Amino acid sequence: MAERTLAEQLGGPLPEGIQALPEDARQDLAAALRDARHRQAKALAQAGEDGLKYVPALLRGAVRKAVGL
């Protein structure tokens, strides 16, 4: 899988200050952003699953489907 560039991750052109960084620093920043987004997605998924603990067991399947978990 090809990794997205920093500009692709940010959805537009890089600000001048970031563009002025050396290429390896921009790559490190892109990797850090990608890792942070993966951690965030994992935490959000876990929070969704944890929230289902408050839903009666018989309804959990339907609620999962309705909210896209």
Protein backbone atom coordinates (compact mmCIF):
# COMPACT_ATOMS: atom_id res chain seq x y z
CA MET A 1 0.00 0.00 0.00
CA ALA A 2 1.41 3.38 -0.99
CA GLU A 3 1.62 5.82 1.88
CA ARG A 4 0.00 9.20 1.42
CA THR A 5 2.18 12.26 1.39
CA LEU A 6 1.84 14.96 4.01
CA ALA A 7 0.03 17.24 1.55
CA GLU A 8 -2.43 14.44 0.71
CA GLN A 9 -3.06 13.78 4.39
CA LEU A 10 -3.69 17.46 5.06
CA GLY A 11 -5.87 17.81 1.97
CA GLY A 12 -4.09 20.69 0.30
CA PRO A 13 -0.84 22.52 -0.22
CA LEU A 14 1.61 22.64 2.67
CA PRO A 15 2.07 25.90 4.56
CA GLU A 16 5.34 27.69 3.73
CA GLY A 17 6.90 26.84 7.08
CA ILE A 18 6.33 23.12 6.61
CA GLN A 19 7.31 23.26 2.94
CA ALA A 20 10.64 24.79 4.00
CA LEU A 21 11.49 21.70 6.08
CA PRO A 22 13.88 19.13 4.62
CA GLU A 23 12.21 16.20 2.85
CA ASP A 24 13.14 13.71 5.58
CA ALA A 25 11.55 15.95 8.23
CA ARG A 26 8.35 16.20 6.16
CA GLN A 27 8.33 12.41 5.83
CA ASP A 28 8.76 12.06 9.60
CA LEU A 29 5.89 14.50 10.13
CA ALA A 30 3.70 12.56 7.69
CA ALA A 31 4.48 9.31 9.52
CA ALA A 32 3.70 10.91 12.89
CA LEU A 33 0.38 12.25 11.57
CA ARG A 34 -0.51 8.85 10.09
CA ASP A 35 0.32 7.08 13.37
CA ALA A 36 -1.70 9.60 15.38
CA ARG A 37 -4.71 9.09 13.12
CA HIS A 38 -4.43 5.30 13.49
CA ARG A 39 -4.30 5.64 17.29
CA GLN A 40 -7.28 8.00 17.20
CA ALA A 41 -9.32 5.61 15.04
CA LYS A 42 -8.49 2.72 17.37
CA ALA A 43 -9.46 4.77 20.44
CA LEU A 44 -12.75 5.83 18.81
CA ALA A 45 -13.57 2.24 17.89
CA GLN A 46 -12.82 1.13 21.45
CA ALA A 47 -14.99 3.93 22.85
CA GLY A 48 -17.85 2.81 20.62
CA GLU A 49 -17.51 -0.77 21.82
CA ASP A 50 -17.28 0.39 25.44
CA GLY A 51 -20.44 2.44 24.97
CA LEU A 52 -22.31 -0.67 23.89
CA LYS A 53 -21.92 -2.03 27.42
CA TYR A 54 -24.80 0.27 28.39
CA VAL A 55 -27.09 -1.14 25.70
CA PRO A 56 -29.12 -4.24 26.59
CA ALA A 57 -27.52 -7.38 25.15
CA LEU A 58 -30.49 -8.18 22.90
CA LEU A 59 -30.24 -4.80 21.18
CA ARG A 60 -26.45 -4.60 20.73
CA GLY A 61 -26.42 -6.21 17.26
CA ALA A 62 -29.04 -3.81 15.95
CA VAL A 63 -27.33 -0.80 17.54
CA ARG A 64 -23.93 -1.86 16.11
CA LYS A 65 -25.47 -2.07 12.66
CA ALA A 66 -27.29 1.26 13.03
CA VAL A 67 -24.17 3.17 14.12
CA GLY A 68 -21.76 1.35 11.80
CA LEU A 69 -19.60 -0.53 14.31
